[in-house]
């Protein structure tokens, strides 16, 4: 519980410009927190380059996929270096056609939720 409160507090302070969030992310206590922090910043700023800071390869790919979904831009999927690249492109194409069924292809819960929200 303390972890979530600290993370949310850091994120809110960063959103208001009070804290240097990239610096805070780099100095996070563990790798998982660092990855989630950079992933959140990347989505907030719609910047796939920030996903490069995510160390876990799968988390990094889903970071990029969330940005592609949020922007509905399949070109963002080109930043993915795994087999998830084709799935990313397929999902974004489906969302652009307002097909909600493509969201079932997404295995990551946060990314799938973002996908479902884009189909409103």
N, C-alpha and C. Protein backbone atom coordinates (compact mmCIF):
# COMPACT_ATOMS: atom_id res chain seq x y z
N UNK A 1 0.82 -1.19 0.00
CA UNK A 1 0.00 0.00 0.00
C UNK A 1 0.87 1.26 0.00
N UNK A 2 1.92 1.26 0.81
CA UNK A 2 2.82 2.41 0.86
C UNK A 2 3.44 2.68 -0.50
N UNK A 3 3.77 1.58 -1.22
CA UNK A 3 4.37 1.68 -2.54
C UNK A 3 3.46 2.46 -3.48
N UNK A 4 2.18 2.11 -3.50
CA UNK A 4 1.23 2.74 -4.41
C UNK A 4 1.03 4.22 -4.06
N UNK A 5 0.98 4.54 -2.79
CA UNK A 5 0.82 5.93 -2.37
C UNK A 5 2.04 6.75 -2.78
N UNK A 6 3.23 6.20 -2.56
CA UNK A 6 4.45 6.89 -2.94
C UNK A 6 4.50 7.11 -4.45
N UNK A 7 4.18 6.08 -5.23
CA UNK A 7 4.22 6.17 -6.68
C UNK A 7 3.23 7.20 -7.19
N UNK A 8 2.02 7.17 -6.69
CA UNK A 8 0.99 8.13 -7.12
C UNK A 8 1.38 9.55 -6.72
N UNK A 9 1.93 9.71 -5.52
CA UNK A 9 2.37 11.03 -5.07
C UNK A 9 3.46 11.58 -5.98
N UNK A 10 4.44 10.74 -6.32
CA UNK A 10 5.52 11.17 -7.21
C UNK A 10 4.96 11.56 -8.57
N UNK A 11 4.02 10.76 -9.07
CA UNK A 11 3.45 11.02 -10.38
C UNK A 11 2.69 12.34 -10.39
N UNK A 12 1.88 12.58 -9.36
CA UNK A 12 1.12 13.82 -9.29
C UNK A 12 2.03 15.04 -9.17
N UNK A 13 3.04 14.94 -8.34
CA UNK A 13 3.99 16.05 -8.20
C UNK A 13 4.71 16.31 -9.52
N UNK A 14 5.03 15.26 -10.23
CA UNK A 14 5.68 15.41 -11.53
C UNK A 14 4.75 16.03 -12.55
N UNK A 15 3.48 15.67 -12.52
CA UNK A 15 2.51 16.22 -13.46
C UNK A 15 2.32 17.72 -13.24
N UNK A 16 2.46 18.16 -12.01
CA UNK A 16 2.32 19.57 -11.71
C UNK A 16 3.63 20.33 -11.89
N UNK A 17 4.68 19.65 -12.34
CA UNK A 17 5.95 20.29 -12.60
C UNK A 17 6.77 20.56 -11.36
N UNK A 18 6.37 19.98 -10.24
CA UNK A 18 7.08 20.22 -8.99
C UNK A 18 8.33 19.34 -8.89
N UNK A 19 8.28 18.16 -9.48
CA UNK A 19 9.41 17.23 -9.41
C UNK A 19 9.88 16.87 -10.81
N UNK A 20 11.14 16.59 -10.95
CA UNK A 20 11.73 16.12 -12.21
C UNK A 20 11.46 14.62 -12.30
N UNK A 21 10.41 14.25 -13.01
CA UNK A 21 9.98 12.85 -13.03
C UNK A 21 11.00 11.90 -13.65
N UNK A 22 11.65 12.23 -14.76
CA UNK A 22 12.66 11.29 -15.27
C UNK A 22 13.75 11.00 -14.23
N UNK A 23 14.15 12.01 -13.51
CA UNK A 23 15.14 11.82 -12.45
C UNK A 23 14.60 10.91 -11.36
N UNK A 24 13.34 11.14 -10.98
CA UNK A 24 12.72 10.31 -9.95
C UNK A 24 12.62 8.86 -10.42
N UNK A 25 12.26 8.67 -11.68
CA UNK A 25 12.14 7.30 -12.21
C UNK A 25 13.50 6.60 -12.19
N UNK A 26 14.53 7.29 -12.63
CA UNK A 26 15.87 6.68 -12.67
C UNK A 26 16.35 6.27 -11.29
N UNK A 27 15.90 6.97 -10.26
CA UNK A 27 16.34 6.69 -8.91
C UNK A 27 15.33 5.89 -8.10
N UNK A 28 14.40 5.25 -8.76
CA UNK A 28 13.40 4.43 -8.08
C UNK A 28 14.09 3.25 -7.40
N UNK A 29 13.46 2.76 -6.36
CA UNK A 29 14.06 1.74 -5.50
C UNK A 29 14.32 0.40 -6.19
N UNK A 30 13.47 0.00 -7.11
CA UNK A 30 13.69 -1.29 -7.77
C UNK A 30 13.35 -1.20 -9.26
N UNK A 31 13.75 -2.22 -9.98
CA UNK A 31 13.61 -2.22 -11.44
C UNK A 31 12.15 -2.18 -11.88
N UNK A 32 11.28 -2.89 -11.17
CA UNK A 32 9.86 -2.92 -11.55
C UNK A 32 9.25 -1.52 -11.41
N UNK A 33 9.55 -0.85 -10.33
CA UNK A 33 9.04 0.50 -10.11
C UNK A 33 9.60 1.45 -11.17
N UNK A 34 10.89 1.33 -11.49
CA UNK A 34 11.49 2.16 -12.54
C UNK A 34 10.77 1.96 -13.87
N UNK A 35 10.54 0.69 -14.21
CA UNK A 35 9.87 0.40 -15.48
C UNK A 35 8.46 0.98 -15.53
N UNK A 36 7.71 0.82 -14.45
CA UNK A 36 6.35 1.36 -14.42
C UNK A 36 6.37 2.89 -14.45
N UNK A 37 7.32 3.47 -13.79
CA UNK A 37 7.44 4.92 -13.76
C UNK A 37 7.73 5.46 -15.16
N UNK A 38 8.72 4.90 -15.84
CA UNK A 38 9.05 5.36 -17.20
C UNK A 38 7.91 5.08 -18.17
N UNK A 39 7.24 3.96 -18.00
CA UNK A 39 6.11 3.63 -18.86
C UNK A 39 4.98 4.64 -18.69
N UNK A 40 4.74 5.04 -17.46
CA UNK A 40 3.70 6.03 -17.18
C UNK A 40 4.08 7.38 -17.78
N UNK A 41 5.33 7.77 -17.63
CA UNK A 41 5.79 9.03 -18.22
C UNK A 41 5.68 9.01 -19.74
N UNK A 42 6.06 7.89 -20.33
CA UNK A 42 6.00 7.77 -21.79
C UNK A 42 4.57 7.95 -22.29
N UNK A 43 3.62 7.32 -21.61
CA UNK A 43 2.22 7.44 -22.01
C UNK A 43 1.72 8.86 -21.77
N UNK A 44 2.08 9.43 -20.63
CA UNK A 44 1.65 10.80 -20.31
C UNK A 44 2.11 11.77 -21.39
N UNK A 45 3.36 11.61 -21.84
CA UNK A 45 3.94 12.52 -22.83
C UNK A 45 3.76 12.04 -24.27
N UNK A 46 3.13 10.86 -24.44
CA UNK A 46 2.96 10.24 -25.77
C UNK A 46 4.31 10.17 -26.49
N UNK A 47 5.33 9.68 -25.78
CA UNK A 47 6.69 9.66 -26.29
C UNK A 47 7.26 8.25 -26.22
N UNK A 48 7.26 7.56 -27.35
CA UNK A 48 7.77 6.18 -27.41
C UNK A 48 9.25 6.10 -27.10
N UNK A 49 9.99 7.18 -27.31
CA UNK A 49 11.42 7.19 -26.99
C UNK A 49 11.64 6.97 -25.49
N UNK A 50 10.73 7.45 -24.68
CA UNK A 50 10.84 7.27 -23.23
C UNK A 50 10.72 5.79 -22.86
N UNK A 51 10.05 5.01 -23.68
CA UNK A 51 9.91 3.58 -23.41
C UNK A 51 11.26 2.86 -23.44
N UNK A 52 12.23 3.45 -24.12
CA UNK A 52 13.56 2.84 -24.17
C UNK A 52 14.19 2.73 -22.78
N UNK A 53 13.71 3.53 -21.84
CA UNK A 53 14.21 3.49 -20.47
C UNK A 53 13.68 2.29 -19.69
N UNK A 54 12.64 1.66 -20.21
CA UNK A 54 12.05 0.48 -19.56
C UNK A 54 12.97 -0.71 -19.82
N UNK A 55 13.44 -1.35 -18.76
CA UNK A 55 14.43 -2.41 -18.88
C UNK A 55 13.84 -3.75 -19.30
N UNK A 56 12.67 -4.10 -18.79
CA UNK A 56 12.05 -5.38 -19.13
C UNK A 56 11.57 -5.33 -20.58
N UNK A 57 12.05 -6.23 -21.44
CA UNK A 57 11.70 -6.16 -22.87
C UNK A 57 10.20 -6.24 -23.16
N UNK A 58 9.48 -7.09 -22.45
CA UNK A 58 8.04 -7.20 -22.68
C UNK A 58 7.34 -5.93 -22.23
N UNK A 59 7.70 -5.43 -21.06
CA UNK A 59 7.10 -4.18 -20.56
C UNK A 59 7.42 -3.02 -21.51
N UNK A 60 8.61 -3.02 -22.07
CA UNK A 60 9.01 -1.97 -23.02
C UNK A 60 8.12 -2.02 -24.26
N UNK A 61 7.88 -3.23 -24.77
CA UNK A 61 7.04 -3.35 -25.96
C UNK A 61 5.61 -2.91 -25.68
N UNK A 62 5.08 -3.29 -24.52
CA UNK A 62 3.71 -2.86 -24.18
C UNK A 62 3.65 -1.35 -23.93
N UNK A 63 4.72 -0.77 -23.44
CA UNK A 63 4.80 0.68 -23.28
C UNK A 63 4.60 1.34 -24.64
N UNK A 64 5.32 0.86 -25.63
CA UNK A 64 5.20 1.42 -26.99
C UNK A 64 3.80 1.16 -27.54
N UNK A 65 3.28 -0.02 -27.30
CA UNK A 65 1.95 -0.36 -27.81
C UNK A 65 0.88 0.56 -27.22
N UNK A 66 1.00 0.90 -25.95
CA UNK A 66 0.04 1.82 -25.33
C UNK A 66 0.08 3.18 -26.01
N UNK A 67 1.27 3.63 -26.37
CA UNK A 67 1.39 4.93 -27.05
C UNK A 67 0.77 4.84 -28.44
N UNK A 68 1.04 3.75 -29.15
CA UNK A 68 0.45 3.56 -30.48
C UNK A 68 -1.08 3.55 -30.40
N UNK A 69 -1.61 2.89 -29.38
CA UNK A 69 -3.06 2.84 -29.19
C UNK A 69 -3.60 4.22 -28.84
N UNK A 70 -2.93 4.91 -27.94
CA UNK A 70 -3.43 6.23 -27.52
C UNK A 70 -3.43 7.22 -28.68
N UNK A 71 -2.44 7.11 -29.56
CA UNK A 71 -2.34 8.02 -30.70
C UNK A 71 -3.04 7.48 -31.94
N UNK A 72 -3.47 6.22 -31.88
CA UNK A 72 -4.01 5.51 -33.05
C UNK A 72 -3.07 5.65 -34.25
N UNK A 73 -1.81 5.41 -33.97
CA UNK A 73 -0.76 5.57 -34.98
C UNK A 73 0.07 4.29 -35.04
N UNK A 74 -0.18 3.49 -36.06
CA UNK A 74 0.53 2.21 -36.17
C UNK A 74 2.02 2.38 -36.46
N UNK A 75 2.44 3.55 -36.90
CA UNK A 75 3.87 3.79 -37.11
C UNK A 75 4.64 3.74 -35.79
N UNK A 76 3.97 4.05 -34.68
CA UNK A 76 4.61 3.95 -33.37
C UNK A 76 5.03 2.51 -33.08
N UNK A 77 4.31 1.55 -33.65
CA UNK A 77 4.62 0.13 -33.44
C UNK A 77 6.01 -0.23 -33.97
N UNK A 78 6.55 0.58 -34.85
CA UNK A 78 7.88 0.30 -35.42
C UNK A 78 8.98 0.32 -34.36
N UNK A 79 8.69 0.90 -33.19
CA UNK A 79 9.67 0.93 -32.10
C UNK A 79 9.74 -0.41 -31.37
N UNK A 80 8.83 -1.32 -31.69
CA UNK A 80 8.80 -2.64 -31.04
C UNK A 80 9.72 -3.58 -31.80
N UNK A 81 10.54 -4.32 -31.06
CA UNK A 81 11.54 -5.19 -31.69
C UNK A 81 11.22 -6.68 -31.53
N UNK A 82 9.99 -7.00 -31.14
CA UNK A 82 9.63 -8.41 -30.93
C UNK A 82 8.43 -8.76 -31.81
N UNK A 83 7.94 -9.96 -31.62
CA UNK A 83 6.78 -10.42 -32.39
C UNK A 83 5.52 -9.62 -32.04
N UNK A 84 5.56 -8.85 -30.98
CA UNK A 84 4.41 -8.02 -30.59
C UNK A 84 4.18 -6.88 -31.59
N UNK A 85 5.17 -6.60 -32.42
CA UNK A 85 5.07 -5.52 -33.40
C UNK A 85 3.87 -5.71 -34.33
N UNK A 86 3.73 -6.90 -34.89
CA UNK A 86 2.62 -7.17 -35.80
C UNK A 86 1.28 -7.09 -35.09
N UNK A 87 1.23 -7.58 -33.87
CA UNK A 87 -0.01 -7.52 -33.10
C UNK A 87 -0.37 -6.06 -32.82
N UNK A 88 0.62 -5.26 -32.49
CA UNK A 88 0.42 -3.83 -32.25
C UNK A 88 -0.19 -3.17 -33.48
N UNK A 89 0.39 -3.43 -34.63
CA UNK A 89 -0.11 -2.83 -35.87
C UNK A 89 -1.55 -3.27 -36.14
N UNK A 90 -1.82 -4.56 -35.92
CA UNK A 90 -3.16 -5.10 -36.14
C UNK A 90 -4.18 -4.46 -35.20
N UNK A 91 -3.81 -4.31 -33.94
CA UNK A 91 -4.71 -3.71 -32.96
C UNK A 91 -5.00 -2.26 -33.32
N UNK A 92 -3.98 -1.49 -33.66
CA UNK A 92 -4.19 -0.09 -34.01
C UNK A 92 -5.06 0.03 -35.26
N UNK A 93 -4.81 -0.79 -36.25
CA UNK A 93 -5.64 -0.77 -37.46
C UNK A 93 -7.10 -1.08 -37.12
N UNK A 94 -7.31 -2.07 -36.27
CA UNK A 94 -8.67 -2.42 -35.85
C UNK A 94 -9.34 -1.29 -35.09
N UNK A 95 -8.59 -0.65 -34.21
CA UNK A 95 -9.16 0.46 -33.44
C UNK A 95 -9.53 1.63 -34.35
N UNK A 96 -8.72 1.86 -35.37
CA UNK A 96 -9.03 2.95 -36.30
C UNK A 96 -10.32 2.68 -37.06
N UNK A 97 -10.67 1.40 -37.16
CA UNK A 97 -11.94 1.01 -37.80
C UNK A 97 -13.04 0.82 -36.75
N UNK A 98 -12.74 1.19 -35.51
CA UNK A 98 -13.66 1.11 -34.38
C UNK A 98 -14.11 -0.33 -34.07
N UNK A 99 -13.19 -1.29 -34.27
CA UNK A 99 -13.47 -2.69 -33.97
C UNK A 99 -12.93 -3.04 -32.58
N UNK A 100 -13.83 -3.21 -31.64
CA UNK A 100 -13.42 -3.49 -30.26
C UNK A 100 -12.87 -4.89 -30.08
N UNK A 101 -13.18 -5.80 -30.97
CA UNK A 101 -12.74 -7.19 -30.83
C UNK A 101 -11.22 -7.32 -30.82
N UNK A 102 -10.50 -6.36 -31.40
CA UNK A 102 -9.04 -6.47 -31.44
C UNK A 102 -8.42 -6.39 -30.05
N UNK A 103 -9.15 -5.83 -29.10
CA UNK A 103 -8.61 -5.69 -27.74
C UNK A 103 -8.39 -7.04 -27.07
N UNK A 104 -9.09 -8.08 -27.51
CA UNK A 104 -8.89 -9.40 -26.90
C UNK A 104 -7.53 -9.98 -27.28
N UNK A 105 -6.88 -9.42 -28.28
CA UNK A 105 -5.56 -9.88 -28.68
C UNK A 105 -4.47 -9.41 -27.73
N UNK A 106 -4.78 -8.41 -26.92
CA UNK A 106 -3.79 -7.80 -26.03
C UNK A 106 -3.77 -8.56 -24.71
N UNK A 107 -2.61 -9.08 -24.35
CA UNK A 107 -2.46 -9.90 -23.14
C UNK A 107 -2.15 -9.08 -21.89
N UNK A 108 -1.59 -7.88 -22.05
CA UNK A 108 -1.25 -7.01 -20.93
C UNK A 108 -2.51 -6.29 -20.46
N UNK A 109 -2.84 -6.38 -19.17
CA UNK A 109 -4.09 -5.81 -18.64
C UNK A 109 -4.20 -4.31 -18.84
N UNK A 110 -3.14 -3.55 -18.54
CA UNK A 110 -3.19 -2.10 -18.69
C UNK A 110 -3.38 -1.68 -20.15
N UNK A 111 -2.69 -2.38 -21.03
CA UNK A 111 -2.79 -2.07 -22.46
C UNK A 111 -4.16 -2.45 -22.99
N UNK A 112 -4.69 -3.60 -22.55
CA UNK A 112 -6.02 -4.03 -22.98
C UNK A 112 -7.09 -3.04 -22.51
N UNK A 113 -6.94 -2.54 -21.30
CA UNK A 113 -7.91 -1.56 -20.78
C UNK A 113 -7.87 -0.27 -21.60
N UNK A 114 -6.67 0.19 -21.92
CA UNK A 114 -6.54 1.38 -22.76
C UNK A 114 -7.18 1.13 -24.13
N UNK A 115 -6.96 -0.06 -24.66
CA UNK A 115 -7.56 -0.43 -25.95
C UNK A 115 -9.09 -0.34 -25.88
N UNK A 116 -9.66 -0.91 -24.83
CA UNK A 116 -11.13 -0.87 -24.69
C UNK A 116 -11.63 0.57 -24.54
N UNK A 117 -10.88 1.41 -23.89
CA UNK A 117 -11.29 2.80 -23.69
C UNK A 117 -11.27 3.57 -25.03
N UNK A 118 -10.38 3.20 -25.92
CA UNK A 118 -10.27 3.90 -27.22
C UNK A 118 -11.42 3.61 -28.16
N UNK A 119 -12.21 2.57 -27.87
CA UNK A 119 -13.26 2.14 -28.79
C UNK A 119 -14.62 2.72 -28.42
N UNK A 120 -14.69 3.64 -27.57
CA UNK A 120 -15.97 4.17 -27.10
C UNK A 120 -16.88 4.62 -28.19
